[in-house]
Amino acid sequence: MIRTQIQLPDEVFDRAKKVCEAREISLAELARRGLEYILNVYSAPEDSLTDWQPPKPRRLGWKGLSDEELKAEAQMTITELTLKRR
């Protein structure tokens, strides 16, 4: 096991000590459990990091409008929109 030091803001330390007292565990045990949890939630397998691809775009356009109509609507100025509504 490796021994290390960490720096915590006073508020975080106070909250952590209260959790430790309520659960009857040491601050070191709380830190270990917290780190293990975060690593399980956020860690990705090593091989998936090199093969990562951005997600494919989804078709989210307005119903009933073609791509060209959607582009034309998005590029309209406020004056053009006001005149179109009249």
PDB file of N, CA and C in Angstrom:
ATOM      1  N   MET A   1       0.855  -1.166   0.000  1.00  0.00           N
ATOM      2  CA  MET A   1       0.000   0.000   0.000  1.00  0.00           C
ATOM      3  C   MET A   1       0.904   1.233   0.000  1.00  0.00           C
ATOM      4  N   ILE A   2       0.488   2.259  -0.735  1.00  0.00           N
ATOM      5  CA  ILE A   2       1.264   3.500  -0.836  1.00  0.00           C
ATOM      6  C   ILE A   2       0.697   4.523   0.132  1.00  0.00           C
ATOM      7  N   ARG A   3       1.582   5.219   0.784  1.00  0.00           N
ATOM      8  CA  ARG A   3       1.189   6.285   1.711  1.00  0.00           C
ATOM      9  C   ARG A   3       1.312   7.611   0.978  1.00  0.00           C
ATOM     10  N   THR A   4       0.296   8.463   1.101  1.00  0.00           N
ATOM     11  CA  THR A   4       0.314   9.750   0.413  1.00  0.00           C
ATOM     12  C   THR A   4      -0.372  10.816   1.259  1.00  0.00           C
ATOM     13  N   GLN A   5      -0.223  12.051   0.859  1.00  0.00           N
ATOM     14  CA  GLN A   5      -0.883  13.161   1.535  1.00  0.00           C
ATOM     15  C   GLN A   5      -1.776  13.874   0.537  1.00  0.00           C
ATOM     16  N   ILE A   6      -2.888  14.407   1.034  1.00  0.00           N
ATOM     17  CA  ILE A   6      -3.761  15.217   0.192  1.00  0.00           C
ATOM     18  C   ILE A   6      -4.103  16.494   0.939  1.00  0.00           C
ATOM     19  N   GLN A   7      -4.462  17.515   0.180  1.00  0.00           N
ATOM     20  CA  GLN A   7      -4.906  18.772   0.773  1.00  0.00           C
ATOM     21  C   GLN A   7      -6.386  18.930   0.478  1.00  0.00           C
ATOM     22  N   LEU A   8      -7.150  19.284   1.506  1.00  0.00           N
ATOM     23  CA  LEU A   8      -8.594  19.448   1.374  1.00  0.00           C
ATOM     24  C   LEU A   8      -9.008  20.821   1.879  1.00  0.00           C
ATOM     25  N   PRO A   9      -9.997  21.424   1.231  1.00  0.00           N
ATOM     26  CA  PRO A   9     -10.554  22.648   1.804  1.00  0.00           C
ATOM     27  C   PRO A   9     -11.163  22.329   3.183  1.00  0.00           C
ATOM     28  N   ASP A  10     -11.171  23.305   4.067  1.00  0.00           N
ATOM     29  CA  ASP A  10     -11.685  23.086   5.426  1.00  0.00           C
ATOM     30  C   ASP A  10     -13.098  22.514   5.423  1.00  0.00           C
ATOM     31  N   GLU A  11     -13.953  23.047   4.559  1.00  0.00           N
ATOM     32  CA  GLU A  11     -15.347  22.591   4.520  1.00  0.00           C
ATOM     33  C   GLU A  11     -15.440  21.119   4.125  1.00  0.00           C
ATOM     34  N   VAL A  12     -14.654  20.718   3.131  1.00  0.00           N
ATOM     35  CA  VAL A  12     -14.659  19.314   2.689  1.00  0.00           C
ATOM     36  C   VAL A  12     -14.137  18.414   3.802  1.00  0.00           C
ATOM     37  N   PHE A  13     -13.083  18.827   4.469  1.00  0.00           N
ATOM     38  CA  PHE A  13     -12.532  18.039   5.570  1.00  0.00           C
ATOM     39  C   PHE A  13     -13.563  17.869   6.691  1.00  0.00           C
ATOM     40  N   ASP A  14     -14.242  18.964   7.064  1.00  0.00           N
ATOM     41  CA  ASP A  14     -15.248  18.892   8.123  1.00  0.00           C
ATOM     42  C   ASP A  14     -16.381  17.946   7.753  1.00  0.00           C
ATOM     43  N   ARG A  15     -16.839  18.037   6.502  1.00  0.00           N
ATOM     44  CA  ARG A  15     -17.923  17.144   6.060  1.00  0.00           C
ATOM     45  C   ARG A  15     -17.458  15.693   6.049  1.00  0.00           C
ATOM     46  N   ALA A  16     -16.232  15.476   5.601  1.00  0.00           N
ATOM     47  CA  ALA A  16     -15.690  14.119   5.555  1.00  0.00           C
ATOM     48  C   ALA A  16     -15.560  13.532   6.953  1.00  0.00           C
ATOM     49  N   LYS A  17     -15.096  14.324   7.903  1.00  0.00           N
ATOM     50  CA  LYS A  17     -14.956  13.841   9.286  1.00  0.00           C
ATOM     51  C   LYS A  17     -16.323  13.446   9.855  1.00  0.00           C
ATOM     52  N   LYS A  18     -17.360  14.215   9.542  1.00  0.00           N
ATOM     53  CA  LYS A  18     -18.709  13.882  10.021  1.00  0.00           C
ATOM     54  C   LYS A  18     -19.181  12.552   9.446  1.00  0.00           C
ATOM     55  N   VAL A  19     -18.896  12.325   8.160  1.00  0.00           N
ATOM     56  CA  VAL A  19     -19.267  11.037   7.552  1.00  0.00           C
ATOM     57  C   VAL A  19     -18.488   9.914   8.212  1.00  0.00           C
ATOM     58  N   CYS A  20     -17.216  10.128   8.462  1.00  0.00           N
ATOM     59  CA  CYS A  20     -16.385   9.107   9.107  1.00  0.00           C
ATOM     60  C   CYS A  20     -16.914   8.755  10.495  1.00  0.00           C
ATOM     61  N   GLU A  21     -17.285   9.763  11.250  1.00  0.00           N
ATOM     62  CA  GLU A  21     -17.819   9.509  12.594  1.00  0.00           C
ATOM     63  C   GLU A  21     -19.143   8.762  12.526  1.00  0.00           C
ATOM     64  N   ALA A  22     -20.001   9.146  11.595  1.00  0.00           N
ATOM     65  CA  ALA A  22     -21.302   8.490  11.467  1.00  0.00           C
ATOM     66  C   ALA A  22     -21.153   7.031  11.027  1.00  0.00           C
ATOM     67  N   ARG A  23     -20.198   6.752  10.155  1.00  0.00           N
ATOM     68  CA  ARG A  23     -19.993   5.394   9.633  1.00  0.00           C
ATOM     69  C   ARG A  23     -18.969   4.593  10.431  1.00  0.00           C
ATOM     70  N   GLU A  24     -18.322   5.264  11.374  1.00  0.00           N
ATOM     71  CA  GLU A  24     -17.296   4.634  12.196  1.00  0.00           C
ATOM     72  C   GLU A  24     -16.172   4.054  11.338  1.00  0.00           C
ATOM     73  N   ILE A  25     -15.674   4.878  10.409  1.00  0.00           N
ATOM     74  CA  ILE A  25     -14.536   4.491   9.578  1.00  0.00           C
ATOM     75  C   ILE A  25     -13.496   5.617   9.642  1.00  0.00           C
ATOM     76  N   SER A  26     -12.285   5.291   9.223  1.00  0.00           N
ATOM     77  CA  SER A  26     -11.230   6.308   9.230  1.00  0.00           C
ATOM     78  C   SER A  26     -11.345   7.188   7.981  1.00  0.00           C
ATOM     79  N   LEU A  27     -10.687   8.322   8.055  1.00  0.00           N
ATOM     80  CA  LEU A  27     -10.654   9.223   6.907  1.00  0.00           C
ATOM     81  C   LEU A  27      -9.947   8.544   5.725  1.00  0.00           C
ATOM     82  N   ALA A  28      -8.922   7.762   6.024  1.00  0.00           N
ATOM     83  CA  ALA A  28      -8.215   7.031   4.967  1.00  0.00           C
ATOM     84  C   ALA A  28      -9.145   6.046   4.265  1.00  0.00           C
ATOM     85  N   GLU A  29      -9.967   5.351   5.047  1.00  0.00           N
ATOM     86  CA  GLU A  29     -10.913   4.393   4.458  1.00  0.00           C
ATOM     87  C   GLU A  29     -11.951   5.110   3.604  1.00  0.00           C
ATOM     88  N   LEU A  30     -12.431   6.238   4.061  1.00  0.00           N
ATOM     89  CA  LEU A  30     -13.391   7.024   3.281  1.00  0.00           C
ATOM     90  C   LEU A  30     -12.757   7.464   1.959  1.00  0.00           C
ATOM     91  N   ALA A  31     -11.514   7.931   2.016  1.00  0.00           N
ATOM     92  CA  ALA A  31     -10.816   8.362   0.804  1.00  0.00           C
ATOM     93  C   ALA A  31     -10.617   7.181  -0.148  1.00  0.00           C
ATOM     94  N   ARG A  32     -10.223   6.017   0.362  1.00  0.00           N
ATOM     95  CA  ARG A  32     -10.046   4.833  -0.483  1.00  0.00           C
ATOM     96  C   ARG A  32     -11.352   4.452  -1.162  1.00  0.00           C
ATOM     97  N   ARG A  33     -12.433   4.400  -0.385  1.00  0.00           N
ATOM     98  CA  ARG A  33     -13.738   4.031  -0.953  1.00  0.00           C
ATOM     99  C   ARG A  33     -14.192   5.039  -1.999  1.00  0.00           C
ATOM    100  N   GLY A  34     -13.987   6.317  -1.718  1.00  0.00           N
ATOM    101  CA  GLY A  34     -14.367   7.351  -2.668  1.00  0.00           C
ATOM    102  C   GLY A  34     -13.591   7.258  -3.965  1.00  0.00           C
ATOM    103  N   LEU A  35     -12.285   7.059  -3.858  1.00  0.00           N
ATOM    104  CA  LEU A  35     -11.457   6.922  -5.055  1.00  0.00           C
ATOM    105  C   LEU A  35     -11.825   5.674  -5.853  1.00  0.00           C
ATOM    106  N   GLU A  36     -12.057   4.561  -5.155  1.00  0.00           N
ATOM    107  CA  GLU A  36     -12.448   3.331  -5.849  1.00  0.00           C
ATOM    108  C   GLU A  36     -13.772   3.526  -6.587  1.00  0.00           C
ATOM    109  N   TYR A  37     -14.720   4.206  -5.958  1.00  0.00           N
ATOM    110  CA  TYR A  37     -16.006   4.450  -6.590  1.00  0.00           C
ATOM    111  C   TYR A  37     -15.836   5.305  -7.854  1.00  0.00           C
ATOM    112  N   ILE A  38     -15.118   6.406  -7.729  1.00  0.00           N
ATOM    113  CA  ILE A  38     -14.919   7.297  -8.877  1.00  0.00           C
ATOM    114  C   ILE A  38     -14.196   6.575 -10.009  1.00  0.00           C
ATOM    115  N   LEU A  39     -13.184   5.784  -9.677  1.00  0.00           N
ATOM    116  CA  LEU A  39     -12.451   5.053 -10.704  1.00  0.00           C
ATOM    117  C   LEU A  39     -13.332   4.018 -11.397  1.00  0.00           C
ATOM    118  N   ASN A  40     -14.227   3.375 -10.659  1.00  0.00           N
ATOM    119  CA  ASN A  40     -15.145   2.412 -11.276  1.00  0.00           C
ATOM    120  C   ASN A  40     -16.156   3.097 -12.174  1.00  0.00           C
ATOM    121  N   VAL A  41     -16.603   4.268 -11.778  1.00  0.00           N
ATOM    122  CA  VAL A  41     -17.619   4.972 -12.564  1.00  0.00           C
ATOM    123  C   VAL A  41     -17.016   5.597 -13.817  1.00  0.00           C
ATOM    124  N   TYR A  42     -15.857   6.219 -13.688  1.00  0.00           N
ATOM    125  CA  TYR A  42     -15.303   6.999 -14.786  1.00  0.00           C
ATOM    126  C   TYR A  42     -14.196   6.336 -15.577  1.00  0.00           C
ATOM    127  N   SER A  43     -13.636   5.263 -15.097  1.00  0.00           N
ATOM    128  CA  SER A  43     -12.531   4.634 -15.818  1.00  0.00           C
ATOM    129  C   SER A  43     -13.049   3.864 -17.014  1.00  0.00           C
ATOM    130  N   ALA A  44     -12.314   3.988 -18.108  1.00  0.00           N
ATOM    131  CA  ALA A  44     -12.621   3.220 -19.310  1.00  0.00           C
ATOM    132  C   ALA A  44     -11.506   2.206 -19.507  1.00  0.00           C
ATOM    133  N   PRO A  45     -11.820   1.083 -20.124  1.00  0.00           N
ATOM    134  CA  PRO A  45     -10.751   0.120 -20.409  1.00  0.00           C
ATOM    135  C   PRO A  45      -9.664   0.772 -21.251  1.00  0.00           C
ATOM    136  N   GLU A  46      -8.428   0.370 -21.034  1.00  0.00           N
ATOM    137  CA  GLU A  46      -7.278   0.982 -21.708  1.00  0.00           C
ATOM    138  C   GLU A  46      -7.394   0.940 -23.228  1.00  0.00           C
ATOM    139  N   ASP A  47      -7.864  -0.191 -23.787  1.00  0.00           N
ATOM    140  CA  ASP A  47      -7.914  -0.302 -25.239  1.00  0.00           C
ATOM    141  C   ASP A  47      -8.993   0.583 -25.856  1.00  0.00           C
ATOM    142  N   SER A  48     -10.037   0.916 -25.105  1.00  0.00           N
ATOM    143  CA  SER A  48     -11.092   1.751 -25.669  1.00  0.00           C
ATOM    144  C   SER A  48     -10.659   3.202 -25.790  1.00  0.00           C
ATOM    145  N   LEU A  49      -9.617   3.614 -25.053  1.00  0.00           N
ATOM    146  CA  LEU A  49      -9.145   4.992 -25.137  1.00  0.00           C
ATOM    147  C   LEU A  49      -8.508   5.283 -26.490  1.00  0.00           C
ATOM    148  N   THR A  50      -7.840   4.310 -27.071  1.00  0.00           N
ATOM    149  CA  THR A  50      -7.184   4.528 -28.356  1.00  0.00           C
ATOM    150  C   THR A  50      -8.162   4.417 -29.517  1.00  0.00           C
ATOM    151  N   ASP A  51      -9.249   3.677 -29.356  1.00  0.00           N
ATOM    152  CA  ASP A  51     -10.217   3.483 -30.430  1.00  0.00           C
ATOM    153  C   ASP A  51     -11.413   4.433 -30.328  1.00  0.00           C
ATOM    154  N   TRP A  52     -11.329   5.429 -29.472  1.00  0.00           N
ATOM    155  CA  TRP A  52     -12.468   6.308 -29.256  1.00  0.00           C
ATOM    156  C   TRP A  52     -12.819   7.072 -30.523  1.00  0.00           C
ATOM    157  N   GLN A  53     -14.102   7.144 -30.813  1.00  0.00           N
ATOM    158  CA  GLN A  53     -14.631   7.896 -31.940  1.00  0.00           C
ATOM    159  C   GLN A  53     -15.729   8.807 -31.417  1.00  0.00           C
ATOM    160  N   PRO A  54     -15.866  10.007 -31.968  1.00  0.00           N
ATOM    161  CA  PRO A  54     -16.979  10.848 -31.529  1.00  0.00           C
ATOM    162  C   PRO A  54     -18.293  10.188 -31.936  1.00  0.00           C
ATOM    163  N   PRO A  55     -19.367  10.475 -31.200  1.00  0.00           N
ATOM    164  CA  PRO A  55     -20.647   9.860 -31.548  1.00  0.00           C
ATOM    165  C   PRO A  55     -21.112  10.311 -32.928  1.00  0.00           C
ATOM    166  N   LYS A  56     -21.835   9.445 -33.593  1.00  0.00           N
ATOM    167  CA  LYS A  56     -22.383   9.765 -34.911  1.00  0.00           C
ATOM    168  C   LYS A  56     -23.500  10.792 -34.744  1.00  0.00           C
ATOM    169  N   PRO A  57     -23.591  11.766 -35.651  1.00  0.00           N
ATOM    170  CA  PRO A  57     -24.660  12.758 -35.532  1.00  0.00           C
ATOM    171  C   PRO A  57     -26.024  12.106 -35.748  1.00  0.00           C
ATOM    172  N   ARG A  58     -26.994  12.616 -35.039  1.00  0.00           N
ATOM    173  CA  ARG A  58     -28.362  12.119 -35.183  1.00  0.00           C
ATOM    174  C   ARG A  58     -29.173  13.159 -35.930  1.00  0.00           C
ATOM    175  N   ARG A  59     -30.180  12.715 -36.601  1.00  0.00           N
ATOM    176  CA  ARG A  59     -31.050  13.625 -37.334  1.00  0.00           C
ATOM    177  C   ARG A  59     -32.060  14.203 -36.344  1.00  0.00           C
ATOM    178  N   LEU A  60     -31.878  15.472 -35.995  1.00  0.00           N
ATOM    179  CA  LEU A  60     -32.731  16.109 -35.004  1.00  0.00           C
ATOM    180  C   LEU A  60     -33.533  17.273 -35.581  1.00  0.00           C
ATOM    181  N   GLY A  61     -33.616  17.344 -36.889  1.00  0.00           N
ATOM    182  CA  GLY A  61     -34.309  18.467 -37.538  1.00  0.00           C
ATOM    183  C   GLY A  61     -35.778  18.539 -37.165  1.00  0.00           C
ATOM    184  N   TRP A  62     -36.369  19.664 -37.466  1.00  0.00           N
ATOM    185  CA  TRP A  62     -37.790  19.858 -37.189  1.00  0.00           C
ATOM    186  C   TRP A  62     -38.602  18.960 -38.090  1.00  0.00           C
ATOM    187  N   LYS A  63     -39.683  18.426 -37.580  1.00  0.00           N
ATOM    188  CA  LYS A  63     -40.546  17.577 -38.397  1.00  0.00           C
ATOM    189  C   LYS A  63     -41.205  18.420 -39.479  1.00  0.00           C
ATOM    190  N   GLY A  64     -41.225  17.877 -40.676  1.00  0.00           N
ATOM    191  CA  GLY A  64     -41.885  18.561 -41.768  1.00  0.00           C
ATOM    192  C   GLY A  64     -40.988  19.506 -42.541  1.00  0.00           C
ATOM    193  N   LEU A  65     -39.772  19.743 -42.095  1.00  0.00           N
ATOM    194  CA  LEU A  65     -38.863  20.635 -42.814  1.00  0.00           C
ATOM    195  C   LEU A  65     -37.713  19.824 -43.399  1.00  0.00           C
ATOM    196  N   SER A  66     -37.381  20.119 -44.642  1.00  0.00           N
ATOM    197  CA  SER A  66     -36.219  19.479 -45.245  1.00  0.00           C
ATOM    198  C   SER A  66     -34.963  20.148 -44.705  1.00  0.00           C
ATOM    199  N   ASP A  67     -33.820  19.576 -45.016  1.00  0.00           N
ATOM    200  CA  ASP A  67     -32.554  20.154 -44.575  1.00  0.00           C
ATOM    201  C   ASP A  67     -32.377  21.570 -45.113  1.00  0.00           C
ATOM    202  N   GLU A  68     -32.765  21.780 -46.373  1.00  0.00           N
ATOM    203  CA  GLU A  68     -32.630  23.104 -46.981  1.00  0.00           C
ATOM    204  C   GLU A  68     -33.552  24.114 -46.297  1.00  0.00           C
ATOM    205  N   GLU A  69     -34.797  23.711 -46.013  1.00  0.00           N
ATOM    206  CA  GLU A  69     -35.748  24.609 -45.346  1.00  0.00           C
ATOM    207  C   GLU A  69     -35.279  24.935 -43.928  1.00  0.00           C
ATOM    208  N   LEU A  70     -34.758  23.944 -43.247  1.00  0.00           N
ATOM    209  CA  LEU A  70     -34.257  24.150 -41.895  1.00  0.00           C
ATOM    210  C   LEU A  70     -33.085  25.133 -41.901  1.00  0.00           C
ATOM    211  N   LYS A  71     -32.177  24.979 -42.867  1.00  0.00           N
ATOM    212  CA  LYS A  71     -31.038  25.886 -42.981  1.00  0.00           C
ATOM    213  C   LYS A  71     -31.511  27.307 -43.283  1.00  0.00           C
ATOM    214  N   ALA A  72     -32.472  27.439 -44.175  1.00  0.00           N
ATOM    215  CA  ALA A  72     -33.000  28.761 -44.526  1.00  0.00           C
ATOM    216  C   ALA A  72     -33.641  29.428 -43.313  1.00  0.00           C
ATOM    217  N   GLU A  73     -34.402  28.670 -42.518  1.00  0.00           N
ATOM    218  CA  GLU A  73     -35.037  29.216 -41.310  1.00  0.00           C
ATOM    219  C   GLU A  73     -33.991  29.660 -40.295  1.00  0.00           C
ATOM    220  N   ALA A  74     -32.951  28.865 -40.138  1.00  0.00           N
ATOM    221  CA  ALA A  74     -31.917  29.172 -39.148  1.00  0.00           C
ATOM    222  C   ALA A  74     -31.105  30.404 -39.528  1.00  0.00           C
ATOM    223  N   GLN A  75     -31.002  30.685 -40.809  1.00  0.00           N
ATOM    224  CA  GLN A  75     -30.182  31.805 -41.264  1.00  0.00           C
ATOM    225  C   GLN A  75     -30.970  33.103 -41.431  1.00  0.00           C
ATOM    226  N   MET A  76     -32.268  33.086 -41.172  1.00  0.00           N
ATOM    227  CA  MET A  76     -33.076  34.292 -41.310  1.00  0.00           C
ATOM    228  C   MET A  76     -32.717  35.315 -40.241  1.00  0.00           C
ATOM    229  N   THR A  77     -32.729  36.574 -40.627  1.00  0.00           N
ATOM    230  CA  THR A  77     -32.492  37.653 -39.673  1.00  0.00           C
ATOM    231  C   THR A  77     -33.798  37.982 -38.966  1.00  0.00           C
ATOM    232  N   ILE A  78     -33.724  38.762 -37.913  1.00  0.00           N
ATOM    233  CA  ILE A  78     -34.930  39.150 -37.168  1.00  0.00           C
ATOM    234  C   ILE A  78     -35.886  39.938 -38.064  1.00  0.00           C
ATOM    235  N   THR A  79     -35.344  40.798 -38.921  1.00  0.00           N
ATOM    236  CA  THR A  79     -36.180  41.589 -39.837  1.00  0.00           C
ATOM    237  C   THR A  79     -36.923  40.667 -40.792  1.00  0.00           C
ATOM    238  N   GLU A  80     -36.226  39.681 -41.353  1.00  0.00           N
ATOM    239  CA  GLU A  80     -36.871  38.738 -42.269  1.00  0.00           C
ATOM    240  C   GLU A  80     -37.956  37.935 -41.552  1.00  0.00           C
ATOM    241  N   LEU A  81     -37.708  37.525 -40.323  1.00  0.00           N
ATOM    242  CA  LEU A  81     -38.718  36.790 -39.557  1.00  0.00           C
ATOM    243  C   LEU A  81     -39.942  37.650 -39.288  1.00  0.00           C
ATOM    244  N   THR A  82     -39.728  38.911 -38.945  1.00  0.00           N
ATOM    245  CA  THR A  82     -40.835  39.829 -38.669  1.00  0.00           C
ATOM    246  C   THR A  82     -41.684  40.032 -39.916  1.00  0.00           C
ATOM    247  N   LEU A  83     -41.048  40.231 -41.053  1.00  0.00           N
ATOM    248  CA  LEU A  83     -41.778  40.428 -42.298  1.00  0.00           C
ATOM    249  C   LEU A  83     -42.513  39.145 -42.720  1.00  0.00           C
ATOM    250  N   LYS A  84     -41.925  37.990 -42.459  1.00  0.00           N
ATOM    251  CA  LYS A  84     -42.548  36.715 -42.828  1.00  0.00           C
ATOM    252  C   LYS A  84     -43.812  36.470 -42.007  1.00  0.00           C
ATOM    253  N   ARG A  85     -43.794  36.887 -40.742  1.00  0.00           N
ATOM    254  CA  ARG A  85     -44.946  36.649 -39.864  1.00  0.00           C
ATOM    255  C   ARG A  85     -46.142  37.536 -40.212  1.00  0.00           C
ATOM    256  N   ARG A  86     -45.898  38.677 -40.879  1.00  0.00           N
ATOM    257  CA  ARG A  86     -46.996  39.601 -41.210  1.00  0.00           C
ATOM    258  C   ARG A  86     -47.785  39.134 -42.346  1.00  0.00           C
TER     259      ARG A  86
END
